[in-house]
Amino acid sequence: MSIKRIKSGPRMSAGVVHGDTVYVAGQTADDTSVGVAGQTEQVLKKIDAILAEAGSDKSKLLSANIWLPDIATFHEMNKVWDAWVSPGNTPARATVEAKLATPQLRVEIAVIAAV
């Protein structure tokens, strides 16, 4: 079975397609000058692009993992997530509080989807 790597670099790939599944690595915002809502919007746009390149979309999400350095921003992130996620196609999801790679990052999201 073939493996397709999306935006592959020396350390990781943004996405990997194997069989009928696409694995999207944890995505973070490029513009960290905005709060959790703005960063969540950026991350979800990145996920949309990776899923599209893999031949999938958010209606085929299977699972999502979300990391927030401050769980008090849970509702603010969820407002953006709820507006983005495909109604009736919500994935299994976990959201936890965790330190991220830099203090400026307010959210990181990784997903798995069907192709």
PDB file of N, CA and C in Angstrom:
ATOM      1  N   MET A   1       0.852  -1.181   0.000  1.00  0.00           N
ATOM      2  CA  MET A   1       0.000   0.000   0.000  1.00  0.00           C
ATOM      3  C   MET A   1       0.894   1.239   0.000  1.00  0.00           C
ATOM      4  N   SER A   2       0.585   2.199  -0.837  1.00  0.00           N
ATOM      5  CA  SER A   2       1.432   3.382  -0.974  1.00  0.00           C
ATOM      6  C   SER A   2       1.226   4.369   0.174  1.00  0.00           C
ATOM      7  N   ILE A   3       2.239   5.199   0.358  1.00  0.00           N
ATOM      8  CA  ILE A   3       2.194   6.266   1.353  1.00  0.00           C
ATOM      9  C   ILE A   3       2.473   7.570   0.618  1.00  0.00           C
ATOM     10  N   LYS A   4       1.598   8.569   0.823  1.00  0.00           N
ATOM     11  CA  LYS A   4       1.784   9.899   0.226  1.00  0.00           C
ATOM     12  C   LYS A   4       2.056  10.869   1.366  1.00  0.00           C
ATOM     13  N   ARG A   5       3.132  11.625   1.250  1.00  0.00           N
ATOM     14  CA  ARG A   5       3.473  12.623   2.267  1.00  0.00           C
ATOM     15  C   ARG A   5       3.185  14.014   1.726  1.00  0.00           C
ATOM     16  N   ILE A   6       2.547  14.831   2.547  1.00  0.00           N
ATOM     17  CA  ILE A   6       2.154  16.185   2.165  1.00  0.00           C
ATOM     18  C   ILE A   6       3.000  17.186   2.935  1.00  0.00           C
ATOM     19  N   LYS A   7       3.589  18.117   2.188  1.00  0.00           N
ATOM     20  CA  LYS A   7       4.448  19.151   2.783  1.00  0.00           C
ATOM     21  C   LYS A   7       5.465  18.507   3.719  1.00  0.00           C
ATOM     22  N   SER A   8       6.226  17.588   3.150  1.00  0.00           N
ATOM     23  CA  SER A   8       7.210  16.834   3.914  1.00  0.00           C
ATOM     24  C   SER A   8       8.474  17.651   4.121  1.00  0.00           C
ATOM     25  N   GLY A   9       8.990  17.615   5.328  1.00  0.00           N
ATOM     26  CA  GLY A   9      10.230  18.309   5.650  1.00  0.00           C
ATOM     27  C   GLY A   9      11.205  17.360   6.311  1.00  0.00           C
ATOM     28  N   PRO A  10      12.331  17.876   6.780  1.00  0.00           N
ATOM     29  CA  PRO A  10      13.346  17.012   7.383  1.00  0.00           C
ATOM     30  C   PRO A  10      12.907  16.410   8.721  1.00  0.00           C
ATOM     31  N   ARG A  11      11.971  17.052   9.407  1.00  0.00           N
ATOM     32  CA  ARG A  11      11.538  16.577  10.708  1.00  0.00           C
ATOM     33  C   ARG A  11      10.180  15.882  10.672  1.00  0.00           C
ATOM     34  N   MET A  12       9.288  16.372   9.843  1.00  0.00           N
ATOM     35  CA  MET A  12       7.922  15.844   9.821  1.00  0.00           C
ATOM     36  C   MET A  12       7.216  16.227   8.539  1.00  0.00           C
ATOM     37  N   SER A  13       6.082  15.594   8.310  1.00  0.00           N
ATOM     38  CA  SER A  13       5.192  15.943   7.207  1.00  0.00           C
ATOM     39  C   SER A  13       3.942  16.582   7.799  1.00  0.00           C
ATOM     40  N   ALA A  14       3.355  17.528   7.075  1.00  0.00           N
ATOM     41  CA  ALA A  14       2.117  18.147   7.544  1.00  0.00           C
ATOM     42  C   ALA A  14       0.971  17.146   7.507  1.00  0.00           C
ATOM     43  N   GLY A  15       1.044  16.219   6.553  1.00  0.00           N
ATOM     44  CA  GLY A  15       0.033  15.177   6.440  1.00  0.00           C
ATOM     45  C   GLY A  15       0.622  13.939   5.802  1.00  0.00           C
ATOM     46  N   VAL A  16       0.020  12.800   6.127  1.00  0.00           N
ATOM     47  CA  VAL A  16       0.432  11.533   5.528  1.00  0.00           C
ATOM     48  C   VAL A  16      -0.826  10.758   5.173  1.00  0.00           C
ATOM     49  N   VAL A  17      -0.885  10.313   3.912  1.00  0.00           N
ATOM     50  CA  VAL A  17      -2.011   9.501   3.454  1.00  0.00           C
ATOM     51  C   VAL A  17      -1.527   8.066   3.336  1.00  0.00           C
ATOM     52  N   HIS A  18      -2.248   7.173   3.987  1.00  0.00           N
ATOM     53  CA  HIS A  18      -1.952   5.742   3.890  1.00  0.00           C
ATOM     54  C   HIS A  18      -3.284   5.024   3.740  1.00  0.00           C
ATOM     55  N   GLY A  19      -3.447   4.340   2.638  1.00  0.00           N
ATOM     56  CA  GLY A  19      -4.730   3.684   2.385  1.00  0.00           C
ATOM     57  C   GLY A  19      -5.825   4.732   2.254  1.00  0.00           C
ATOM     58  N   ASP A  20      -6.879   4.544   2.988  1.00  0.00           N
ATOM     59  CA  ASP A  20      -8.025   5.459   2.943  1.00  0.00           C
ATOM     60  C   ASP A  20      -8.045   6.434   4.113  1.00  0.00           C
ATOM     61  N   THR A  21      -6.868   6.698   4.697  1.00  0.00           N
ATOM     62  CA  THR A  21      -6.797   7.554   5.876  1.00  0.00           C
ATOM     63  C   THR A  21      -5.730   8.624   5.689  1.00  0.00           C
ATOM     64  N   VAL A  22      -6.035   9.831   6.135  1.00  0.00           N
ATOM     65  CA  VAL A  22      -5.048  10.911   6.143  1.00  0.00           C
ATOM     66  C   VAL A  22      -4.823  11.337   7.590  1.00  0.00           C
ATOM     67  N   TYR A  23      -3.565  11.422   7.948  1.00  0.00           N
ATOM     68  CA  TYR A  23      -3.137  11.820   9.282  1.00  0.00           C
ATOM     69  C   TYR A  23      -2.547  13.223   9.175  1.00  0.00           C
ATOM     70  N   VAL A  24      -3.163  14.194   9.836  1.00  0.00           N
ATOM     71  CA  VAL A  24      -2.681  15.575   9.778  1.00  0.00           C
ATOM     72  C   VAL A  24      -1.950  15.884  11.079  1.00  0.00           C
ATOM     73  N   ALA A  25      -0.685  16.265  10.953  1.00  0.00           N
ATOM     74  CA  ALA A  25       0.138  16.604  12.119  1.00  0.00           C
ATOM     75  C   ALA A  25      -0.443  17.805  12.850  1.00  0.00           C
ATOM     76  N   GLY A  26      -0.045  17.979  14.077  1.00  0.00           N
ATOM     77  CA  GLY A  26      -0.476  19.144  14.852  1.00  0.00           C
ATOM     78  C   GLY A  26      -0.143  20.428  14.112  1.00  0.00           C
ATOM     79  N   GLN A  27      -1.157  21.244  13.905  1.00  0.00           N
ATOM     80  CA  GLN A  27      -0.997  22.505  13.178  1.00  0.00           C
ATOM     81  C   GLN A  27      -1.117  23.669  14.150  1.00  0.00           C
ATOM     82  N   THR A  28      -0.287  24.688  13.943  1.00  0.00           N
ATOM     83  CA  THR A  28      -0.317  25.894  14.759  1.00  0.00           C
ATOM     84  C   THR A  28      -0.406  27.116  13.848  1.00  0.00           C
ATOM     85  N   ALA A  29      -0.727  28.242  14.448  1.00  0.00           N
ATOM     86  CA  ALA A  29      -0.889  29.487  13.699  1.00  0.00           C
ATOM     87  C   ALA A  29       0.462  30.050  13.260  1.00  0.00           C
ATOM     88  N   ASP A  30       0.455  30.744  12.134  1.00  0.00           N
ATOM     89  CA  ASP A  30       1.644  31.468  11.676  1.00  0.00           C
ATOM     90  C   ASP A  30       1.698  32.860  12.310  1.00  0.00           C
ATOM     91  N   ASP A  31       0.535  33.496  12.448  1.00  0.00           N
ATOM     92  CA  ASP A  31       0.450  34.823  13.060  1.00  0.00           C
ATOM     93  C   ASP A  31       0.041  34.642  14.516  1.00  0.00           C
ATOM     94  N   THR A  32       1.008  34.716  15.403  1.00  0.00           N
ATOM     95  CA  THR A  32       0.736  34.505  16.825  1.00  0.00           C
ATOM     96  C   THR A  32       0.405  35.800  17.565  1.00  0.00           C
ATOM     97  N   SER A  33       0.230  36.884  16.817  1.00  0.00           N
ATOM     98  CA  SER A  33      -0.108  38.160  17.458  1.00  0.00           C
ATOM     99  C   SER A  33      -1.588  38.241  17.831  1.00  0.00           C
ATOM    100  N   VAL A  34      -2.377  37.249  17.361  1.00  0.00           N
ATOM    101  CA  VAL A  34      -3.811  37.234  17.653  1.00  0.00           C
ATOM    102  C   VAL A  34      -4.105  36.220  18.752  1.00  0.00           C
ATOM    103  N   GLY A  35      -5.290  36.290  19.312  1.00  0.00           N
ATOM    104  CA  GLY A  35      -5.683  35.401  20.397  1.00  0.00           C
ATOM    105  C   GLY A  35      -6.080  34.020  19.912  1.00  0.00           C
ATOM    106  N   VAL A  36      -6.650  33.245  20.821  1.00  0.00           N
ATOM    107  CA  VAL A  36      -6.975  31.856  20.518  1.00  0.00           C
ATOM    108  C   VAL A  36      -7.991  31.737  19.382  1.00  0.00           C
ATOM    109  N   ALA A  37      -8.969  32.628  19.295  1.00  0.00           N
ATOM    110  CA  ALA A  37      -9.957  32.549  18.211  1.00  0.00           C
ATOM    111  C   ALA A  37      -9.279  32.766  16.858  1.00  0.00           C
ATOM    112  N   GLY A  38      -8.464  33.791  16.747  1.00  0.00           N
ATOM    113  CA  GLY A  38      -7.760  34.067  15.493  1.00  0.00           C
ATOM    114  C   GLY A  38      -6.792  32.965  15.129  1.00  0.00           C
ATOM    115  N   GLN A  39      -6.090  32.431  16.121  1.00  0.00           N
ATOM    116  CA  GLN A  39      -5.171  31.329  15.845  1.00  0.00           C
ATOM    117  C   GLN A  39      -5.924  30.069  15.439  1.00  0.00           C
ATOM    118  N   THR A  40      -7.069  29.809  16.067  1.00  0.00           N
ATOM    119  CA  THR A  40      -7.870  28.639  15.705  1.00  0.00           C
ATOM    120  C   THR A  40      -8.324  28.743  14.255  1.00  0.00           C
ATOM    121  N   GLU A  41      -8.767  29.925  13.830  1.00  0.00           N
ATOM    122  CA  GLU A  41      -9.172  30.129  12.437  1.00  0.00           C
ATOM    123  C   GLU A  41      -8.024  29.801  11.483  1.00  0.00           C
ATOM    124  N   GLN A  42      -6.819  30.282  11.809  1.00  0.00           N
ATOM    125  CA  GLN A  42      -5.655  30.011  10.962  1.00  0.00           C
ATOM    126  C   GLN A  42      -5.368  28.517  10.879  1.00  0.00           C
ATOM    127  N   VAL A  43      -5.408  27.846  12.023  1.00  0.00           N
ATOM    128  CA  VAL A  43      -5.115  26.416  12.081  1.00  0.00           C
ATOM    129  C   VAL A  43      -6.127  25.628  11.259  1.00  0.00           C
ATOM    130  N   LEU A  44      -7.396  25.967  11.377  1.00  0.00           N
ATOM    131  CA  LEU A  44      -8.437  25.236  10.645  1.00  0.00           C
ATOM    132  C   LEU A  44      -8.310  25.451   9.141  1.00  0.00           C
ATOM    133  N   LYS A  45      -7.860  26.630   8.708  1.00  0.00           N
ATOM    134  CA  LYS A  45      -7.606  26.866   7.283  1.00  0.00           C
ATOM    135  C   LYS A  45      -6.449  25.987   6.798  1.00  0.00           C
ATOM    136  N   LYS A  46      -5.423  25.839   7.619  1.00  0.00           N
ATOM    137  CA  LYS A  46      -4.309  24.959   7.263  1.00  0.00           C
ATOM    138  C   LYS A  46      -4.794  23.516   7.137  1.00  0.00           C
ATOM    139  N   ILE A  47      -5.618  23.093   8.090  1.00  0.00           N
ATOM    140  CA  ILE A  47      -6.150  21.729   8.054  1.00  0.00           C
ATOM    141  C   ILE A  47      -6.988  21.525   6.801  1.00  0.00           C
ATOM    142  N   ASP A  48      -7.839  22.498   6.468  1.00  0.00           N
ATOM    143  CA  ASP A  48      -8.631  22.406   5.235  1.00  0.00           C
ATOM    144  C   ASP A  48      -7.731  22.191   4.021  1.00  0.00           C
ATOM    145  N   ALA A  49      -6.646  22.933   3.932  1.00  0.00           N
ATOM    146  CA  ALA A  49      -5.741  22.846   2.782  1.00  0.00           C
ATOM    147  C   ALA A  49      -5.044  21.487   2.725  1.00  0.00           C
ATOM    148  N   ILE A  50      -4.612  20.988   3.854  1.00  0.00           N
ATOM    149  CA  ILE A  50      -3.939  19.681   3.886  1.00  0.00           C
ATOM    150  C   ILE A  50      -4.924  18.581   3.523  1.00  0.00           C
ATOM    151  N   LEU A  51      -6.131  18.650   4.082  1.00  0.00           N
ATOM    152  CA  LEU A  51      -7.150  17.644   3.746  1.00  0.00           C
ATOM    153  C   LEU A  51      -7.472  17.681   2.252  1.00  0.00           C
ATOM    154  N   ALA A  52      -7.589  18.879   1.684  1.00  0.00           N
ATOM    155  CA  ALA A  52      -7.886  19.000   0.250  1.00  0.00           C
ATOM    156  C   ALA A  52      -6.775  18.375  -0.586  1.00  0.00           C
ATOM    157  N   GLU A  53      -5.537  18.641  -0.210  1.00  0.00           N
ATOM    158  CA  GLU A  53      -4.413  18.061  -0.956  1.00  0.00           C
ATOM    159  C   GLU A  53      -4.414  16.536  -0.862  1.00  0.00           C
ATOM    160  N   ALA A  54      -4.948  16.023   0.240  1.00  0.00           N
ATOM    161  CA  ALA A  54      -5.024  14.567   0.435  1.00  0.00           C
ATOM    162  C   ALA A  54      -6.241  13.958  -0.241  1.00  0.00           C
ATOM    163  N   GLY A  55      -7.132  14.800  -0.771  1.00  0.00           N
ATOM    164  CA  GLY A  55      -8.356  14.306  -1.396  1.00  0.00           C
ATOM    165  C   GLY A  55      -9.473  14.083  -0.403  1.00  0.00           C
ATOM    166  N   SER A  56      -9.441  14.828   0.693  1.00  0.00           N
ATOM    167  CA  SER A  56     -10.444  14.688   1.747  1.00  0.00           C
ATOM    168  C   SER A  56     -10.984  16.067   2.115  1.00  0.00           C
ATOM    169  N   ASP A  57     -11.812  16.111   3.129  1.00  0.00           N
ATOM    170  CA  ASP A  57     -12.325  17.377   3.656  1.00  0.00           C
ATOM    171  C   ASP A  57     -12.841  17.162   5.070  1.00  0.00           C
ATOM    172  N   LYS A  58     -13.231  18.254   5.718  1.00  0.00           N
ATOM    173  CA  LYS A  58     -13.636  18.190   7.129  1.00  0.00           C
ATOM    174  C   LYS A  58     -14.876  17.334   7.377  1.00  0.00           C
ATOM    175  N   SER A  59     -15.665  17.041   6.362  1.00  0.00           N
ATOM    176  CA  SER A  59     -16.840  16.178   6.552  1.00  0.00           C
ATOM    177  C   SER A  59     -16.430  14.725   6.774  1.00  0.00           C
ATOM    178  N   LYS A  60     -15.150  14.420   6.529  1.00  0.00           N
ATOM    179  CA  LYS A  60     -14.659  13.054   6.677  1.00  0.00           C
ATOM    180  C   LYS A  60     -13.746  12.889   7.895  1.00  0.00           C
ATOM    181  N   LEU A  61     -13.782  13.867   8.812  1.00  0.00           N
ATOM    182  CA  LEU A  61     -12.957  13.770  10.017  1.00  0.00           C
ATOM    183  C   LEU A  61     -13.358  12.563  10.846  1.00  0.00           C
ATOM    184  N   LEU A  62     -12.366  11.851  11.346  1.00  0.00           N
ATOM    185  CA  LEU A  62     -12.584  10.711  12.229  1.00  0.00           C
ATOM    186  C   LEU A  62     -12.271  11.074  13.679  1.00  0.00           C
ATOM    187  N   SER A  63     -11.160  11.802  13.870  1.00  0.00           N
ATOM    188  CA  SER A  63     -10.784  12.207  15.222  1.00  0.00           C
ATOM    189  C   SER A  63     -10.012  13.513  15.188  1.00  0.00           C
ATOM    190  N   ALA A  64      -9.993  14.180  16.331  1.00  0.00           N
ATOM    191  CA  ALA A  64      -9.247  15.435  16.478  1.00  0.00           C
ATOM    192  C   ALA A  64      -8.668  15.498  17.883  1.00  0.00           C
ATOM    193  N   ASN A  65      -7.460  15.990  17.976  1.00  0.00           N
ATOM    194  CA  ASN A  65      -6.824  16.276  19.258  1.00  0.00           C
ATOM    195  C   ASN A  65      -6.489  17.754  19.278  1.00  0.00           C
ATOM    196  N   ILE A  66      -6.889  18.413  20.355  1.00  0.00           N
ATOM    197  CA  ILE A  66      -6.677  19.854  20.472  1.00  0.00           C
ATOM    198  C   ILE A  66      -5.931  20.121  21.770  1.00  0.00           C
ATOM    199  N   TRP A  67      -4.883  20.936  21.657  1.00  0.00           N
ATOM    200  CA  TRP A  67      -4.105  21.314  22.828  1.00  0.00           C
ATOM    201  C   TRP A  67      -4.212  22.818  23.023  1.00  0.00           C
ATOM    202  N   LEU A  68      -4.498  23.219  24.251  1.00  0.00           N
ATOM    203  CA  LEU A  68      -4.600  24.626  24.637  1.00  0.00           C
ATOM    204  C   LEU A  68      -3.660  24.860  25.821  1.00  0.00           C
ATOM    205  N   PRO A  69      -2.797  25.870  25.767  1.00  0.00           N
ATOM    206  CA  PRO A  69      -1.950  26.137  26.923  1.00  0.00           C
ATOM    207  C   PRO A  69      -2.736  26.719  28.104  1.00  0.00           C
ATOM    208  N   ASP A  70      -3.926  27.236  27.836  1.00  0.00           N
ATOM    209  CA  ASP A  70      -4.794  27.779  28.884  1.00  0.00           C
ATOM    210  C   ASP A  70      -6.210  27.272  28.649  1.00  0.00           C
ATOM    211  N   ILE A  71      -6.638  26.293  29.433  1.00  0.00           N
ATOM    212  CA  ILE A  71      -7.952  25.676  29.243  1.00  0.00           C
ATOM    213  C   ILE A  71      -9.083  26.684  29.447  1.00  0.00           C
ATOM    214  N   ALA A  72      -8.790  27.825  30.044  1.00  0.00           N
ATOM    215  CA  ALA A  72      -9.809  28.874  30.200  1.00  0.00           C
ATOM    216  C   ALA A  72     -10.249  29.427  28.845  1.00  0.00           C
ATOM    217  N   THR A  73      -9.471  29.178  27.790  1.00  0.00           N
ATOM    218  CA  THR A  73      -9.835  29.649  26.443  1.00  0.00           C
ATOM    219  C   THR A  73     -10.640  28.601  25.672  1.00  0.00           C
ATOM    220  N   PHE A  74     -11.031  27.524  26.337  1.00  0.00           N
ATOM    221  CA  PHE A  74     -11.773  26.418  25.729  1.00  0.00           C
ATOM    222  C   PHE A  74     -13.013  26.906  24.979  1.00  0.00           C
ATOM    223  N   HIS A  75     -13.810  27.766  25.613  1.00  0.00           N
ATOM    224  CA  HIS A  75     -15.055  28.236  24.989  1.00  0.00           C
ATOM    225  C   HIS A  75     -14.778  29.134  23.787  1.00  0.00           C
ATOM    226  N   GLU A  76     -13.741  29.947  23.872  1.00  0.00           N
ATOM    227  CA  GLU A  76     -13.376  30.824  22.750  1.00  0.00           C
ATOM    228  C   GLU A  76     -12.931  29.997  21.535  1.00  0.00           C
ATOM    229  N   MET A  77     -12.119  28.956  21.779  1.00  0.00           N
ATOM    230  CA  MET A  77     -11.695  28.067  20.694  1.00  0.00           C
ATOM    231  C   MET A  77     -12.896  27.319  20.135  1.00  0.00           C
ATOM    232  N   ASN A  78     -13.777  26.827  21.024  1.00  0.00           N
ATOM    233  CA  ASN A  78     -14.944  26.062  20.578  1.00  0.00           C
ATOM    234  C   ASN A  78     -15.888  26.875  19.706  1.00  0.00           C
ATOM    235  N   LYS A  79     -15.982  28.162  19.940  1.00  0.00           N
ATOM    236  CA  LYS A  79     -16.845  29.009  19.117  1.00  0.00           C
ATOM    237  C   LYS A  79     -16.399  28.961  17.655  1.00  0.00           C
ATOM    238  N   VAL A  80     -15.092  29.011  17.435  1.00  0.00           N
ATOM    239  CA  VAL A  80     -14.548  28.940  16.080  1.00  0.00           C
ATOM    240  C   VAL A  80     -14.680  27.514  15.539  1.00  0.00           C
ATOM    241  N   TRP A  81     -14.357  26.534  16.355  1.00  0.00           N
ATOM    242  CA  TRP A  81     -14.464  25.128  15.946  1.00  0.00           C
ATOM    243  C   TRP A  81     -15.891  24.805  15.521  1.00  0.00           C
ATOM    244  N   ASP A  82     -16.868  25.185  16.358  1.00  0.00           N
ATOM    245  CA  ASP A  82     -18.276  24.867  16.089  1.00  0.00           C
ATOM    246  C   ASP A  82     -18.769  25.479  14.784  1.00  0.00           C
ATOM    247  N   ALA A  83     -18.264  26.660  14.438  1.00  0.00           N
ATOM    248  CA  ALA A  83     -18.649  27.304  13.182  1.00  0.00           C
ATOM    249  C   ALA A  83     -17.999  26.622  11.987  1.00  0.00           C
ATOM    250  N   TRP A  84     -16.879  25.944  12.211  1.00  0.00           N
ATOM    251  CA  TRP A  84     -16.120  25.304  11.130  1.00  0.00           C
ATOM    252  C   TRP A  84     -16.517  23.855  10.884  1.00  0.00           C
ATOM    253  N   VAL A  85     -16.706  23.090  11.928  1.00  0.00           N
ATOM    254  CA  VAL A  85     -16.901  21.645  11.805  1.00  0.00           C
ATOM    255  C   VAL A  85     -18.166  21.337  10.998  1.00  0.00           C
ATOM    256  N   SER A  86     -18.129  20.245  10.241  1.00  0.00           N
ATOM    257  CA  SER A  86     -19.239  19.862   9.384  1.00  0.00           C
ATOM    258  C   SER A  86     -20.392  19.301  10.231  1.00  0.00           C
ATOM    259  N   PRO A  87     -21.567  19.965  10.226  1.00  0.00           N
ATOM    260  CA  PRO A  87     -22.699  19.482  11.021  1.00  0.00           C
ATOM    261  C   PRO A  87     -23.051  18.034  10.679  1.00  0.00           C
ATOM    262  N   GLY A  88     -23.259  17.244  11.704  1.00  0.00           N
ATOM    263  CA  GLY A  88     -23.595  15.847  11.511  1.00  0.00           C
ATOM    264  C   GLY A  88     -22.395  14.955  11.237  1.00  0.00           C
ATOM    265  N   ASN A  89     -21.209  15.562  11.114  1.00  0.00           N
ATOM    266  CA  ASN A  89     -19.990  14.802  10.823  1.00  0.00           C
ATOM    267  C   ASN A  89     -18.891  15.098  11.839  1.00  0.00           C
ATOM    268  N   THR A  90     -19.286  15.364  13.071  1.00  0.00           N
ATOM    269  CA  THR A  90     -18.299  15.715  14.086  1.00  0.00           C
ATOM    270  C   THR A  90     -17.443  14.502  14.441  1.00  0.00           C
ATOM    271  N   PRO A  91     -16.138  14.730  14.611  1.00  0.00           N
ATOM    272  CA  PRO A  91     -15.228  13.622  14.908  1.00  0.00           C
ATOM    273  C   PRO A  91     -15.204  13.284  16.401  1.00  0.00           C
ATOM    274  N   ALA A  92     -14.630  12.149  16.722  1.00  0.00           N
ATOM    275  CA  ALA A  92     -14.245  11.887  18.106  1.00  0.00           C
ATOM    276  C   ALA A  92     -13.184  12.944  18.426  1.00  0.00           C
ATOM    277  N   ARG A  93     -13.220  13.513  19.646  1.00  0.00           N
ATOM    278  CA  ARG A  93     -12.325  14.641  19.904  1.00  0.00           C
ATOM    279  C   ARG A  93     -11.877  14.655  21.354  1.00  0.00           C
ATOM    280  N   ALA A  94     -10.642  15.079  21.560  1.00  0.00           N
ATOM    281  CA  ALA A  94     -10.116  15.315  22.897  1.00  0.00           C
ATOM    282  C   ALA A  94      -9.499  16.708  22.913  1.00  0.00           C
ATOM    283  N   THR A  95      -9.698  17.419  24.009  1.00  0.00           N
ATOM    284  CA  THR A  95      -9.083  18.733  24.190  1.00  0.00           C
ATOM    285  C   THR A  95      -8.426  18.742  25.565  1.00  0.00           C
ATOM    286  N   VAL A  96      -7.143  19.094  25.597  1.00  0.00           N
ATOM    287  CA  VAL A  96      -6.419  19.105  26.855  1.00  0.00           C
ATOM    288  C   VAL A  96      -5.596  20.377  27.000  1.00  0.00           C
ATOM    289  N   GLU A  97      -5.285  20.704  28.235  1.00  0.00           N
ATOM    290  CA  GLU A  97      -4.385  21.814  28.508  1.00  0.00           C
ATOM    291  C   GLU A  97      -2.958  21.284  28.508  1.00  0.00           C
ATOM    292  N   ALA A  98      -2.091  21.941  27.739  1.00  0.00           N
ATOM    293  CA  ALA A  98      -0.693  21.518  27.652  1.00  0.00           C
ATOM    294  C   ALA A  98       0.176  22.679  27.194  1.00  0.00           C
ATOM    295  N   LYS A  99       1.418  22.687  27.639  1.00  0.00           N
ATOM    296  CA  LYS A  99       2.370  23.670  27.127  1.00  0.00           C
ATOM    297  C   LYS A  99       2.609  23.370  25.655  1.00  0.00           C
ATOM    298  N   LEU A 100       2.719  24.425  24.852  1.00  0.00           N
ATOM    299  CA  LEU A 100       3.013  24.271  23.429  1.00  0.00           C
ATOM    300  C   LEU A 100       4.462  24.685  23.164  1.00  0.00           C
ATOM    301  N   ALA A 101       4.902  24.574  21.932  1.00  0.00           N
ATOM    302  CA  ALA A 101       6.311  24.782  21.579  1.00  0.00           C
ATOM    303  C   ALA A 101       6.838  26.165  21.957  1.00  0.00           C
ATOM    304  N   THR A 102       5.998  27.195  21.825  1.00  0.00           N
ATOM    305  CA  THR A 102       6.385  28.552  22.234  1.00  0.00           C
ATOM    306  C   THR A 102       5.227  29.182  22.990  1.00  0.00           C
ATOM    307  N   PRO A 103       5.514  30.118  23.875  1.00  0.00           N
ATOM    308  CA  PRO A 103       4.447  30.742  24.665  1.00  0.00           C
ATOM    309  C   PRO A 103       3.434  31.542  23.842  1.00  0.00           C
ATOM    310  N   GLN A 104       3.806  31.939  22.617  1.00  0.00           N
ATOM    311  CA  GLN A 104       2.899  32.721  21.773  1.00  0.00           C
ATOM    312  C   GLN A 104       1.794  31.865  21.155  1.00  0.00           C
ATOM    313  N   LEU A 105       2.005  30.570  21.084  1.00  0.00           N
ATOM    314  CA  LEU A 105       0.997  29.678  20.496  1.00  0.00           C
ATOM    315  C   LEU A 105      -0.150  29.478  21.469  1.00  0.00           C
ATOM    316  N   ARG A 106      -1.375  29.652  20.975  1.00  0.00           N
ATOM    317  CA  ARG A 106      -2.569  29.556  21.817  1.00  0.00           C
ATOM    318  C   ARG A 106      -3.387  28.299  21.548  1.00  0.00           C
ATOM    319  N   VAL A 107      -3.086  27.561  20.454  1.00  0.00           N
ATOM    320  CA  VAL A 107      -3.832  26.344  20.116  1.00  0.00           C
ATOM    321  C   VAL A 107      -3.015  25.511  19.130  1.00  0.00           C
ATOM    322  N   GLU A 108      -3.142  24.196  19.256  1.00  0.00           N
ATOM    323  CA  GLU A 108      -2.577  23.272  18.279  1.00  0.00           C
ATOM    324  C   GLU A 108      -3.625  22.188  18.045  1.00  0.00           C
ATOM    325  N   ILE A 109      -3.824  21.834  16.781  1.00  0.00           N
ATOM    326  CA  ILE A 109      -4.846  20.841  16.431  1.00  0.00           C
ATOM    327  C   ILE A 109      -4.270  19.820  15.445  1.00  0.00           C
ATOM    328  N   ALA A 110      -4.515  18.536  15.740  1.00  0.00           N
ATOM    329  CA  ALA A 110      -4.157  17.432  14.839  1.00  0.00           C
ATOM    330  C   ALA A 110      -5.425  16.655  14.554  1.00  0.00           C
ATOM    331  N   VAL A 111      -5.582  16.189  13.314  1.00  0.00           N
ATOM    332  CA  VAL A 111      -6.776  15.425  12.956  1.00  0.00           C
ATOM    333  C   VAL A 111      -6.408  14.190  12.155  1.00  0.00           C
ATOM    334  N   ILE A 112      -7.338  13.252  12.136  1.00  0.00           N
ATOM    335  CA  ILE A 112      -7.282  12.085  11.272  1.00  0.00           C
ATOM    336  C   ILE A 112      -8.599  12.070  10.505  1.00  0.00           C
ATOM    337  N   ALA A 113      -8.523  11.802   9.209  1.00  0.00           N
ATOM    338  CA  ALA A 113      -9.728  11.808   8.377  1.00  0.00           C
ATOM    339  C   ALA A 113      -9.692  10.664   7.376  1.00  0.00           C
ATOM    340  N   ALA A 114     -10.871  10.280   6.922  1.00  0.00           N
ATOM    341  CA  ALA A 114     -10.979   9.319   5.826  1.00  0.00           C
ATOM    342  C   ALA A 114     -10.731  10.055   4.514  1.00  0.00           C
ATOM    343  N   VAL A 115     -10.254   9.326   3.526  1.00  0.00           N
ATOM    344  CA  VAL A 115     -10.029   9.912   2.200  1.00  0.00           C
ATOM    345  C   VAL A 115     -11.207   9.589   1.312  1.00  0.00           C
TER     346      VAL A 115
END
